């Protein structure tokens, strides 16, 4: 039995004179690689033997706002939209706050003193109608907490020089954070501060005559 996705590519009444065959183009995605696209409908088409990732990817907003049946985006799943499983039954608050296609984002999380970063679809988790998680990745359900007061994670760097090992803690900025991290942005994310106004009386400028 044909599914809802088949109606996007199969029309038994189509002829080259009534409805021309769809034309496709390719766009390059930094993480996914080539994405096959119908430029008229903005719908991503499958590439034979090259599956798209089974996690949501960030697409240009004009593509993310369209139902995408073959590639996951930051949106709620539906009959014609693959979407993000973490959004099922309101599992992801970021989509409701920032809108469809705004993410996916990275999040900074902590558990038992361990600070790490993770994509939002591994932090949040959708719930099926039967009350079961939609995926095995659900950091919030596993006891992790979201840190919203920092934009960095830490890792220990070990170096060996002249036979001696040295260790130092390195701060690493996390990219693609949700907008609510704006107040905590530091380092290279920080906005330039306005220069302070000079105090005191303004300098007196002498009136120079032209002379005769």
Protein backbone atom coordinates (compact mmCIF):
# COMPACT_ATOMS: atom_id res chain seq x y z
CA UNK A 1 0.00 0.00 0.00
CA UNK A 2 1.35 3.38 -0.96
CA UNK A 3 2.28 5.76 1.84
CA UNK A 4 1.86 9.55 1.98
CA UNK A 5 5.42 10.09 0.72
CA UNK A 6 4.68 8.30 -2.57
CA UNK A 7 2.19 10.96 -3.64
CA UNK A 8 5.02 13.49 -3.78
CA UNK A 9 6.85 11.62 -6.55
CA UNK A 10 4.18 9.49 -8.31
CA UNK A 11 1.23 10.78 -10.29
CA UNK A 12 -0.39 8.17 -12.60
CA UNK A 13 -2.01 10.89 -14.69
CA UNK A 14 1.11 12.95 -15.29
CA UNK A 15 2.32 13.53 -18.82
CA UNK A 16 5.16 15.73 -20.07
CA UNK A 17 2.49 18.08 -21.48
CA UNK A 18 0.39 18.50 -18.32
CA UNK A 19 2.90 18.34 -15.49
CA UNK A 20 6.58 18.33 -16.46
CA UNK A 21 8.82 16.00 -14.55
CA UNK A 22 10.35 17.72 -11.52
CA UNK A 23 13.79 19.16 -11.99
CA UNK A 24 16.36 18.82 -9.24
CA UNK A 25 19.42 20.64 -8.07
CA UNK A 26 22.02 19.89 -5.42
CA UNK A 27 23.07 21.98 -2.47
CA UNK A 28 26.13 21.35 -0.36
CA UNK A 29 25.65 20.93 3.38
CA UNK A 30 28.76 21.22 5.61
CA UNK A 31 27.77 18.16 7.68
CA UNK A 32 25.53 16.11 5.41
CA UNK A 33 27.25 16.55 2.06
CA UNK A 34 25.13 16.79 -1.07
CA UNK A 35 21.38 17.33 -0.65
CA UNK A 36 19.10 16.77 -3.63
CA UNK A 37 16.42 19.43 -3.85
CA UNK A 38 13.41 20.26 -5.96
CA UNK A 39 13.87 24.06 -6.27
CA UNK A 40 10.19 24.61 -7.14
CA UNK A 41 8.67 22.87 -4.09
CA UNK A 42 11.69 23.23 -1.75
CA UNK A 43 11.27 19.52 -0.90
CA UNK A 44 14.42 17.45 -0.42
CA UNK A 45 14.50 14.30 -2.58
CA UNK A 46 16.28 11.05 -1.73
CA UNK A 47 19.62 10.18 -3.27
CA UNK A 48 19.85 6.47 -4.18
CA UNK A 49 22.19 4.52 -1.89
CA UNK A 50 23.10 7.70 0.03
CA UNK A 51 20.83 7.94 3.10
CA UNK A 52 20.44 11.20 4.92
CA UNK A 53 21.29 11.27 8.66
CA UNK A 54 18.76 9.85 11.09
CA UNK A 55 18.98 13.00 13.22
CA UNK A 56 17.71 16.51 12.49
CA UNK A 57 20.00 18.81 10.54
CA UNK A 58 19.89 22.57 10.17
CA UNK A 59 18.66 23.68 6.77
CA UNK A 60 17.98 27.14 5.32
CA UNK A 61 14.78 28.40 6.90
CA UNK A 62 12.88 28.34 3.59
CA UNK A 63 13.51 24.57 3.43
CA UNK A 64 12.87 23.89 7.11
CA UNK A 65 9.47 25.59 6.94
CA UNK A 66 8.35 23.07 4.30
CA UNK A 67 7.33 19.53 5.24
CA UNK A 68 10.31 17.30 4.49
CA UNK A 69 9.46 13.59 4.16
CA UNK A 70 13.00 12.22 3.61
CA UNK A 71 15.29 14.36 5.76
CA UNK A 72 14.92 15.27 9.43
CA UNK A 73 14.66 18.93 10.40
CA UNK A 74 14.01 20.92 13.58
CA UNK A 75 10.24 20.42 13.57
CA UNK A 76 7.49 18.18 14.86
CA UNK A 77 6.98 14.94 12.91
CA UNK A 78 3.81 14.56 10.87
CA UNK A 79 2.29 12.47 8.08
CA UNK A 80 4.46 14.20 5.46
CA UNK A 81 7.22 15.53 7.70
CA UNK A 82 10.00 13.39 9.17
CA UNK A 83 10.85 16.03 11.77
CA UNK A 84 12.61 15.41 15.07
CA UNK A 85 11.56 12.57 17.38
CA UNK A 86 12.48 14.68 20.41
CA UNK A 87 9.58 17.00 19.55
CA UNK A 88 6.87 14.30 19.70
CA UNK A 89 4.05 15.34 22.05
CA UNK A 90 5.82 18.54 23.08
CA UNK A 91 9.11 16.93 24.07
CA UNK A 92 11.23 19.85 22.83
CA UNK A 93 10.46 23.32 24.25
CA UNK A 94 12.92 25.02 21.88
CA UNK A 95 10.70 24.53 18.83
CA UNK A 96 7.76 26.16 20.64
CA UNK A 97 9.97 29.04 21.82
CA UNK A 98 12.00 29.84 18.69
CA UNK A 99 9.94 28.33 15.88
CA UNK A 100 10.28 25.58 13.37
CA UNK A 101 13.68 25.30 11.73
CA UNK A 102 15.55 27.48 14.22
CA UNK A 103 17.69 24.55 15.39
CA UNK A 104 19.02 22.07 16.06
CA UNK A 105 21.12 23.67 18.79
CA UNK A 106 23.92 22.57 21.06
CA UNK A 107 23.33 22.57 24.81
CA UNK A 108 25.70 22.67 27.79
CA UNK A 109 24.84 20.04 30.39
CA UNK A 110 26.21 18.89 33.75
CA UNK A 111 25.92 15.79 35.89
CA UNK A 112 27.89 14.96 39.05
CA UNK A 113 30.34 17.78 38.32
CA UNK A 114 30.99 16.66 34.74
CA UNK A 115 30.30 19.41 32.19
CA UNK A 116 29.74 18.52 28.55
CA UNK A 117 27.91 19.69 25.44
CA UNK A 118 25.32 17.77 23.47
CA UNK A 119 22.86 18.40 20.63
CA UNK A 120 19.37 19.35 21.79
CA UNK A 121 17.76 16.22 20.30
CA UNK A 122 19.88 14.12 22.70
CA UNK A 123 19.00 16.33 25.69
CA UNK A 124 15.23 16.44 25.22
CA UNK A 125 13.08 13.44 24.42
CA UNK A 126 9.65 12.98 22.94
CA UNK A 127 7.01 10.74 24.48
CA UNK A 128 4.78 8.41 22.47
CA UNK A 129 1.04 8.19 23.05
CA UNK A 130 1.79 5.04 25.06
CA UNK A 131 4.05 7.04 27.38
CA UNK A 132 7.36 5.68 26.15
CA UNK A 133 10.47 7.64 25.11
CA UNK A 134 10.90 8.09 21.38
CA UNK A 135 14.67 7.54 21.53
CA UNK A 136 17.39 6.07 23.73
CA UNK A 137 19.16 9.43 24.06
CA UNK A 138 17.49 11.55 26.77
CA UNK A 139 20.00 13.30 28.99
CA UNK A 140 17.43 15.22 31.03
CA UNK A 141 15.67 11.98 31.89
CA UNK A 142 19.05 10.52 32.87
CA UNK A 143 19.70 13.19 35.49
CA UNK A 144 21.71 15.73 33.51
CA UNK A 145 20.98 19.42 34.07
CA UNK A 146 21.14 22.25 31.54
CA UNK A 147 23.69 24.97 32.35
CA UNK A 148 22.48 28.31 31.01
CA UNK A 149 25.01 30.59 32.77
CA UNK A 150 28.05 29.73 30.64
CA UNK A 151 28.98 29.19 27.00
CA UNK A 152 32.06 27.02 27.50
CA UNK A 153 32.98 23.48 28.44
CA UNK A 154 36.28 22.37 29.94
CA UNK A 155 38.74 19.66 29.07
CA UNK A 156 42.13 18.74 30.50
CA UNK A 157 45.05 19.08 28.09
CA UNK A 158 48.13 16.96 28.82
CA UNK A 159 51.53 17.77 27.33
CA UNK A 160 54.90 16.08 27.70
CA UNK A 161 57.96 18.31 27.45
CA UNK A 162 61.52 17.33 28.43
CA UNK A 163 60.17 14.19 30.04
CA UNK A 164 57.75 16.09 32.27
CA UNK A 165 53.98 15.91 31.96
CA UNK A 166 51.97 19.06 32.44
CA UNK A 167 48.22 19.35 32.65
CA UNK A 168 46.05 22.40 32.22
CA UNK A 169 42.35 23.05 32.03
CA UNK A 170 41.28 24.55 28.72
CA UNK A 171 38.03 26.45 28.16
CA UNK A 172 36.32 25.67 24.86
CA UNK A 173 33.49 27.75 23.42
CA UNK A 174 30.42 25.81 22.31
CA UNK A 175 28.97 26.95 18.96
CA UNK A 176 25.31 27.00 17.86
CA UNK A 177 23.82 27.63 21.29
CA UNK A 178 20.12 28.57 21.69
CA UNK A 179 19.31 32.29 21.96
CA UNK A 180 18.63 32.07 25.72
CA UNK A 181 22.41 31.78 26.22
CA UNK A 182 22.75 35.36 24.97
CA UNK A 183 23.10 36.83 28.47
CA UNK A 184 25.91 34.40 29.30
CA UNK A 185 27.94 34.86 26.13
CA UNK A 186 31.59 35.53 26.82
CA UNK A 187 34.92 35.33 25.01
CA UNK A 188 34.67 35.57 21.26
CA UNK A 189 30.86 35.76 21.51
CA UNK A 190 30.91 38.88 23.65
CA UNK A 191 29.66 42.09 22.12
CA UNK A 192 32.07 45.01 22.01
CA UNK A 193 31.52 47.43 24.86
CA UNK A 194 30.89 51.08 24.13
CA UNK A 195 33.85 53.35 24.83
CA UNK A 196 33.45 55.33 28.05
CA UNK A 197 32.73 59.02 27.67
CA UNK A 198 35.55 61.34 28.60
CA UNK A 199 34.93 63.47 31.63
CA UNK A 200 35.93 67.09 32.19
CA UNK A 201 35.43 70.28 30.30
CA UNK A 202 35.77 70.26 26.52
CA UNK A 203 38.94 71.73 25.16
CA UNK A 204 38.71 75.37 24.07
CA UNK A 205 39.43 75.81 20.39
CA UNK A 206 41.26 79.03 19.55
CA UNK A 207 39.77 81.20 16.85
CA UNK A 208 42.47 81.60 14.25
CA UNK A 209 42.06 84.64 12.02
CA UNK A 210 42.95 84.71 8.37
CA UNK A 211 45.02 87.89 8.69
CA UNK A 212 45.11 90.80 6.30
